[in-house]
C-alpha atoms as a PDB file:
ATOM      1  CA  MET A   1      -6.043-148.226  67.325  1.00  0.00           C
ATOM      2  CA  LEU A   2      -8.480-145.794  66.452  1.00  0.00           C
ATOM      3  CA  LYS A   3     -10.456-146.448  70.025  1.00  0.00           C
ATOM      4  CA  MET A   4      -7.204-146.002  71.497  1.00  0.00           C
ATOM      5  CA  SER A   5      -6.246-142.664  69.861  1.00  0.00           C
ATOM      6  CA  GLN A   6      -9.457-141.416  70.316  1.00  0.00           C
ATOM      7  CA  ALA A   7      -9.511-142.076  74.491  1.00  0.00           C
ATOM      8  CA  ILE A   8      -5.634-140.567  74.365  1.00  0.00           C
ATOM      9  CA  ILE A   9      -6.992-137.395  72.511  1.00  0.00           C
ATOM     10  CA  LEU A  10     -10.249-137.217  75.148  1.00  0.00           C
ATOM     11  CA  ASN A  11      -7.763-137.723  77.894  1.00  0.00           C
ATOM     12  CA  ILE A  12      -5.562-134.938  76.855  1.00  0.00           C
ATOM     13  CA  ASP A  13      -8.441-132.794  76.463  1.00  0.00           C
ATOM     14  CA  GLY A  14      -9.757-133.427  79.984  1.00  0.00           C
ATOM     15  CA  PHE A  15      -6.231-132.505  81.275  1.00  0.00           C
ATOM     16  CA  ILE A  16      -6.418-129.035  79.233  1.00  0.00           C
ATOM     17  CA  SER A  17      -9.827-128.219  80.570  1.00  0.00           C
ATOM     18  CA  ASP A  18      -8.490-128.619  84.050  1.00  0.00           C
ATOM     19  CA  ILE A  19      -5.747-126.671  83.690  1.00  0.00           C
ATOM     20  CA  ASP A  20      -8.007-124.008  82.019  1.00  0.00           C
ATOM     21  CA  ILE A  21     -10.049-124.182  85.305  1.00  0.00           C
ATOM     22  CA  GLN A  22      -6.988-123.800  87.496  1.00  0.00           C
ATOM     23  CA  ILE A  23      -5.684-120.619  85.382  1.00  0.00           C
ATOM     24  CA  ASP A  24      -9.095-119.104  85.498  1.00  0.00           C
ATOM     25  CA  LYS A  25      -9.158-119.488  89.303  1.00  0.00           C
ATOM     26  CA  TYR A  26      -5.775-117.972  89.682  1.00  0.00           C
ATOM     27  CA  LEU A  27      -6.510-115.049  87.515  1.00  0.00           C
ATOM     28  CA  GLU A  28      -9.672-114.385  89.469  1.00  0.00           C
ATOM     29  CA  GLN A  29      -7.266-114.260  93.071  1.00  0.00           C
ATOM     30  CA  CYS A  30      -4.823-111.567  91.060  1.00  0.00           C
ATOM     31  CA  SER A  31      -7.300-109.454  89.489  1.00  0.00           C
ATOM     32  CA  TYR A  32      -6.596-106.608  91.931  1.00  0.00           C
ATOM     33  CA  THR A  33      -2.721-107.139  90.712  1.00  0.00           C
ATOM     34  CA  TYR A  34      -3.951-106.701  86.772  1.00  0.00           C
ATOM     35  CA  ASP A  35      -5.957-103.772  87.633  1.00  0.00           C
ATOM     36  CA  LEU A  36      -2.812-102.030  89.668  1.00  0.00           C
ATOM     37  CA  LEU A  37      -0.578-102.919  86.684  1.00  0.00           C
ATOM     38  CA  GLN A  38      -2.913-101.411  84.358  1.00  0.00           C
ATOM     39  CA  THR A  39      -2.322 -98.046  85.693  1.00  0.00           C
ATOM     40  CA  ILE A  40       0.599 -97.872  84.044  1.00  0.00           C
ATOM     41  CA  PRO A  41       0.365 -95.870  80.924  1.00  0.00           C
ATOM     42  CA  GLY A  42       0.669 -98.012  77.977  1.00  0.00           C
ATOM     43  CA  VAL A  43       0.172-101.462  80.304  1.00  0.00           C
ATOM     44  CA  ASN A  44      -3.016-103.481  78.967  1.00  0.00           C
ATOM     45  CA  LYS A  45      -4.336-106.452  80.135  1.00  0.00           C
ATOM     46  CA  GLN A  46      -2.424-108.475  77.931  1.00  0.00           C
ATOM     47  CA  THR A  47       0.768-106.715  78.993  1.00  0.00           C
ATOM     48  CA  ALA A  48      -0.080-106.946  82.664  1.00  0.00           C
ATOM     49  CA  LEU A  49      -0.890-110.932  82.277  1.00  0.00           C
ATOM     50  CA  ALA A  50       2.594-111.398  80.390  1.00  0.00           C
ATOM     51  CA  ILE A  51       4.449-109.184  83.662  1.00  0.00           C
ATOM     52  CA  VAL A  52       2.724-111.480  86.550  1.00  0.00           C
ATOM     53  CA  ALA A  53       3.292-114.653  84.341  1.00  0.00           C
ATOM     54  CA  GLU A  54       6.990-113.738  84.068  1.00  0.00           C
ATOM     55  CA  MET A  55       7.859-112.377  87.182  1.00  0.00           C
ATOM     56  CA  GLY A  56       5.270-113.328  89.201  1.00  0.00           C
ATOM     57  CA  THR A  57       3.565-111.325  92.222  1.00  0.00           C
ATOM     58  CA  ASP A  58       5.893-112.099  94.641  1.00  0.00           C
ATOM     59  CA  MET A  59       9.067-108.894  94.578  1.00  0.00           C
ATOM     60  CA  ASP A  60      10.879-110.429  97.577  1.00  0.00           C
ATOM     61  CA  VAL A  61      12.653-112.694  94.979  1.00  0.00           C
ATOM     62  CA  PHE A  62      14.464-109.787  93.650  1.00  0.00           C
ATOM     63  CA  PRO A  63      16.651-107.617  96.234  1.00  0.00           C
ATOM     64  CA  THR A  64      16.083-104.518  94.514  1.00  0.00           C
ATOM     65  CA  GLN A  65      14.647-103.149  91.633  1.00  0.00           C
ATOM     66  CA  HIS A  66      18.100-102.846  89.513  1.00  0.00           C
ATOM     67  CA  HIS A  67      18.286-107.080  89.998  1.00  0.00           C
ATOM     68  CA  LEU A  68      14.498-107.290  88.391  1.00  0.00           C
ATOM     69  CA  ALA A  69      16.246-105.046  85.202  1.00  0.00           C
ATOM     70  CA  SER A  70      18.848-106.901  84.971  1.00  0.00           C
ATOM     71  CA  TRP A  71      17.157-110.562  84.917  1.00  0.00           C
ATOM     72  CA  CYS A  72      14.771-108.822  82.248  1.00  0.00           C
ATOM     73  CA  GLY A  73      17.644-107.543  80.109  1.00  0.00           C
ATOM     74  CA  VAL A  74      16.246-104.339  80.226  1.00  0.00           C
ATOM     75  CA  CYS A  75      19.077-102.342  82.425  1.00  0.00           C
ATOM     76  CA  PRO A  76      21.583-100.113  80.768  1.00  0.00           C
ATOM     77  CA  GLY A  77      24.681-101.388  79.730  1.00  0.00           C
ATOM     78  CA  SER A  78      28.009 -99.228  80.521  1.00  0.00           C
ATOM     79  CA  ASN A  79      31.273-101.333  79.570  1.00  0.00           C
ATOM     80  CA  GLU A  80      34.230 -98.834  79.659  1.00  0.00           C
ATOM     81  CA  SER A  81      37.867 -99.479  80.633  1.00  0.00           C
ATOM     82  CA  ALA A  82      40.886 -97.209  80.533  1.00  0.00           C
ATOM     83  CA  GLY A  83      38.684 -94.616  79.147  1.00  0.00           C
ATOM     84  CA  LYS A  84      37.831 -96.705  76.214  1.00  0.00           C
ATOM     85  CA  LYS A  85      33.833 -97.283  75.802  1.00  0.00           C
ATOM     86  CA  LYS A  86      33.261-100.815  74.659  1.00  0.00           C
ATOM     87  CA  SER A  87      30.177-102.438  73.763  1.00  0.00           C
ATOM     88  CA  GLU A  88      26.758-100.884  75.539  1.00  0.00           C
ATOM     89  CA  ARG A  89      24.000-103.563  74.534  1.00  0.00           C
ATOM     90  CA  THR A  90      21.524-104.992  77.097  1.00  0.00           C
ATOM     91  CA  THR A  91      22.053-108.560  78.171  1.00  0.00           C
ATOM     92  CA  GLN A  92      19.727-111.180  76.550  1.00  0.00           C
ATOM     93  CA  GLY A  93      17.384-111.454  79.962  1.00  0.00           C
ATOM     94  CA  ASN A  94      13.827-112.507  79.608  1.00  0.00           C
ATOM     95  CA  LYS A  95      12.757-112.223  75.910  1.00  0.00           C
ATOM     96  CA  SER A  96       9.045-112.818  76.781  1.00  0.00           C
ATOM     97  CA  LEU A  97       9.042-110.134  79.415  1.00  0.00           C
ATOM     98  CA  LYS A  98      11.424-107.295  77.101  1.00  0.00           C
ATOM     99  CA  THR A  99       8.914-107.937  74.092  1.00  0.00           C
ATOM    100  CA  ALA A 100       5.943-107.333  76.260  1.00  0.00           C
ATOM    101  CA  LEU A 101       7.685-104.512  78.002  1.00  0.00           C
ATOM    102  CA  THR A 102       8.991-102.934  74.551  1.00  0.00           C
ATOM    103  CA  GLU A 103       5.385-102.851  73.027  1.00  0.00           C
ATOM    104  CA  ALA A 104       3.797-101.333  76.619  1.00  0.00           C
ATOM    105  CA  ALA A 105       6.401 -98.753  76.092  1.00  0.00           C
ATOM    106  CA  TRP A 106       5.737 -97.833  72.385  1.00  0.00           C
ATOM    107  CA  VAL A 107       2.167 -97.500  73.345  1.00  0.00           C
ATOM    108  CA  ALA A 108       3.380 -95.239  76.596  1.00  0.00           C
ATOM    109  CA  THR A 109       5.307 -92.969  74.115  1.00  0.00           C
ATOM    110  CA  HIS A 110       1.967 -92.155  72.292  1.00  0.00           C
ATOM    111  CA  ILE A 111       0.122 -90.936  75.006  1.00  0.00           C
ATOM    112  CA  LYS A 112      -0.186 -87.351  75.099  1.00  0.00           C
ATOM    113  CA  GLY A 113       0.625 -85.611  78.846  1.00  0.00           C
ATOM    114  CA  THR A 114       2.704 -88.685  80.255  1.00  0.00           C
ATOM    115  CA  TYR A 115       5.704 -88.646  81.892  1.00  0.00           C
ATOM    116  CA  PHE A 116       7.017 -91.629  79.332  1.00  0.00           C
ATOM    117  CA  LYS A 117       6.080 -89.374  76.477  1.00  0.00           C
ATOM    118  CA  ALA A 118       7.974 -86.621  77.736  1.00  0.00           C
ATOM    119  CA  LYS A 119      11.037 -88.659  79.100  1.00  0.00           C
ATOM    120  CA  PHE A 120      11.071 -90.534  75.182  1.00  0.00           C
ATOM    121  CA  GLU A 121      11.272 -87.474  73.876  1.00  0.00           C
ATOM    122  CA  SER A 122      14.182 -86.034  75.549  1.00  0.00           C
ATOM    123  CA  LEU A 123      16.125 -89.268  75.375  1.00  0.00           C
ATOM    124  CA  ALA A 124      15.204 -89.680  71.684  1.00  0.00           C
ATOM    125  CA  VAL A 125      17.171 -86.310  70.789  1.00  0.00           C
ATOM    126  CA  ARG A 126      20.490 -87.560  72.858  1.00  0.00           C
ATOM    127  CA  ARG A 127      20.160 -91.059  71.511  1.00  0.00           C
ATOM    128  CA  CYS A 128      18.334 -92.822  68.960  1.00  0.00           C
ATOM    129  CA  ARG A 129      14.769 -93.823  69.180  1.00  0.00           C
ATOM    130  CA  ARG A 130      15.207 -97.797  70.053  1.00  0.00           C
ATOM    131  CA  LYS A 131      17.765 -96.631  72.843  1.00  0.00           C
ATOM    132  CA  ALA A 132      15.237 -94.354  74.144  1.00  0.00           C
ATOM    133  CA  LEU A 133      12.499 -96.696  73.826  1.00  0.00           C
ATOM    134  CA  ILE A 134      14.113 -99.496  75.897  1.00  0.00           C
ATOM    135  CA  ALA A 135      14.938 -96.871  78.209  1.00  0.00           C
ATOM    136  CA  ILE A 136      11.334 -96.203  78.720  1.00  0.00           C
ATOM    137  CA  SER A 137      10.607-100.220  78.790  1.00  0.00           C
ATOM    138  CA  HIS A 138      13.255-100.141  81.744  1.00  0.00           C
ATOM    139  CA  LYS A 139      10.990 -96.879  83.322  1.00  0.00           C
ATOM    140  CA  ILE A 140       8.004 -98.982  83.533  1.00  0.00           C
ATOM    141  CA  LEU A 141       9.354-102.394  84.593  1.00  0.00           C
ATOM    142  CA  ILE A 142      10.781-100.171  87.684  1.00  0.00           C
ATOM    143  CA  SER A 143       6.986 -98.738  88.211  1.00  0.00           C
ATOM    144  CA  ALA A 144       5.748-102.620  88.103  1.00  0.00           C
ATOM    145  CA  TYR A 145       8.176-103.756  90.327  1.00  0.00           C
ATOM    146  CA  PHE A 146       7.296-100.894  92.997  1.00  0.00           C
ATOM    147  CA  ILE A 147       3.419-101.762  92.322  1.00  0.00           C
ATOM    148  CA  LEU A 148       3.891-105.222  93.112  1.00  0.00           C
ATOM    149  CA  LYS A 149       5.913-104.363  95.904  1.00  0.00           C
ATOM    150  CA  ASN A 150       3.691-101.827  97.587  1.00  0.00           C
ATOM    151  CA  ARG A 151       0.174-102.655  96.265  1.00  0.00           C
ATOM    152  CA  GLU A 152      -0.382 -99.318  95.244  1.00  0.00           C
ATOM    153  CA  PRO A 153      -1.549 -97.920  91.490  1.00  0.00           C
ATOM    154  CA  TYR A 154       1.051 -95.992  89.536  1.00  0.00           C
ATOM    155  CA  GLN A 155       1.210 -92.387  90.096  1.00  0.00           C
ATOM    156  CA  GLN A 156       2.612 -89.925  87.329  1.00  0.00           C
ATOM    157  CA  PRO A 157       5.678 -88.286  88.590  1.00  0.00           C
ATOM    158  CA  ASN A 158       5.413 -84.611  89.201  1.00  0.00           C
ATOM    159  CA  GLN A 159       6.301 -82.904  85.714  1.00  0.00           C
ATOM    160  CA  GLU A 160       6.658 -79.629  87.334  1.00  0.00           C
ATOM    161  CA  LYS A 161       9.810 -80.927  89.649  1.00  0.00           C
ATOM    162  CA  TRP A 162      11.283 -82.460  86.205  1.00  0.00           C
ATOM    163  CA  LEU A 163      10.753 -79.376  84.377  1.00  0.00           C
ATOM    164  CA  GLU A 164      12.331 -77.174  86.922  1.00  0.00           C
ATOM    165  CA  ARG A 165      15.258 -79.468  87.193  1.00  0.00           C
ATOM    166  CA  LYS A 166      15.503 -79.794  83.255  1.00  0.00           C
ATOM    167  CA  LYS A 167      15.583 -75.940  83.319  1.00  0.00           C
ATOM    168  CA  GLN A 168      18.122 -75.738  86.328  1.00  0.00           C
ATOM    169  CA  ALA A 169      20.559 -78.196  84.529  1.00  0.00           C
ATOM    170  CA  GLN A 170      20.137 -75.598  80.949  1.00  0.00           C
ATOM    171  CA  ILE A 171      20.955 -72.665  82.741  1.00  0.00           C
ATOM    172  CA  LYS A 172      23.953 -73.971  84.505  1.00  0.00           C
ATOM    173  CA  THR A 173      25.223 -75.383  80.876  1.00  0.00           C
ATOM    174  CA  TYR A 174      24.457 -72.153  79.337  1.00  0.00           C
ATOM    175  CA  LEU A 175      26.680 -70.247  82.281  1.00  0.00           C
ATOM    176  CA  LYS A 176      29.701 -72.805  82.042  1.00  0.00           C
ATOM    177  CA  ARG A 177      29.555 -72.297  78.506  1.00  0.00           C
ATOM    178  CA  LEU A 178      29.642 -68.270  78.726  1.00  0.00           C
ATOM    179  CA  HIS A 179      32.378 -68.795  81.244  1.00  0.00           C
ATOM    180  CA  GLU A 180      34.315 -70.592  78.757  1.00  0.00           C
ATOM    181  CA  LEU A 181      33.901 -68.147  76.187  1.00  0.00           C
ATOM    182  CA  GLY A 182      35.040 -65.625  78.552  1.00  0.00           C
ATOM    183  CA  ALA A 183      32.218 -63.520  78.879  1.00  0.00           C
ATOM    184  CA  ASN A 184      31.228 -62.365  82.458  1.00  0.00           C
ATOM    185  CA  PRO A 185      27.694 -63.723  82.763  1.00  0.00           C
ATOM    186  CA  SER A 186      27.146 -61.609  86.019  1.00  0.00           C
ATOM    187  CA  GLN A 187      27.070 -58.538  84.114  1.00  0.00           C
END
């Protein structure tokens, strides 16, 4: 009985080593993909492995980035009927990928001078920090989608353009508020 058990264990060890060899070959083929994904702020090698392991490298499976976000469970929820807001919870989605993206988002929000940090801070003021973190996870997932689809490294959005839009929105809000108070802002 012991010899049979030992033979079975050795046989299983052989299968495991064969699978490890196949995984290493696949990782060598996809090393360029991992390097591209690591250009996203907050994404390290483990997160890149999780993204490729869960989503794959072929983005033709998902018609749009919104389908991918829904499948992952990080798409924004909006449930309103007859003017009444109902639950805005995200869907369950792929728990492993959602966890990896949330960890990457947490790291990305702590890197100075990045778009993700600025976006997180602006969202955290209006919403709670957890919802802002899920929104950053969504942004990282969308970035990963386009990186895998176009095979191009991550490029930081133009923050000057974003700051200008934010400034114009504030000006519009203040002018509207002044008009509501009865002031003539053109004077």
